[in-house]
Amino acid sequence: MQENKIYADNCKNILKSLGSVIRMVNYMKKQSVPPAEVITTWEDYLRMAKDQGMDTTDDIVRFPKNLRQRHDQLVDIANEKKDQERLKEYAPLDQKIRERIPDAARYYWENEKYMIIPAGACIELIKEGRSLHHCVGRDDNYMKKMAAGTSWILFLRKKEDVDTPWYTIEVDMKDDRILQYYSMFDRKPEQEKVKKILDTFQRNVKRSRKKNRVRVPVSAIA
């Protein structure tokens, strides 16, 4: 423990719960989480487990085989509950967004490798932001813009893995100008490639607007 800079003060809550240094250390050795992070991850997991009504005195609960995986599962459950509460508040925005979906249909685009899909509901922004760790679904800012028809959120996907978020795009609905585009943690991996994809996409949008018709119906990610 000293070699990994883990001291009694860092793990007193775990020790109080377990009553055994040996059991704690043996469990820590089996985890893939770095030793210095095990205690905080473990405490966080036990707190969430208790909030879920689980018996944290039961060894099956307090010694999960894969601590990181079980911790992340409880985080997802907690987030899902929070999302459901948020969505109740966002119901009026969702209705306005649904009414504007036909206007956003012109932003659907695909080629042999990539797709750009207009968002169709508040929950999609929440999930996108959580997956990519950026701010698109953190609050109702972008949802309000979609509801007002000022800008729209689009999802750029690789067809080989269409369910995995890659890039999030905001486009101005007045002139179809791309306002911003970001991937995970507000970064821009493969930026040159993505810029070429977006240039092709914008040319397609301009052609579609000139023809004044929508060729493909909007598709929303559940």
Foldseek 3Di string as FASTA:
>chain_A
DVVLPDDCVLQVVVCVLVVDPVVVVVLLVQEPPRSVCVRVLLVLQLVLCVVVVHDCSDCCRSRPNYSVVSSVVSVVVVVVVVVVVQVVVCVVLLVLLQVCQVLVLLLWDDDPWKTKAWARGLVQQLVQCVLQVHDSNVDCPQSVCSSVQQKTKIFMATPVCRLRGAKIWIAGSVQRHTPDMAGHPRHQPPNVVVVVVVVVSSVSSVVCVVVPDRDDHGDHDD
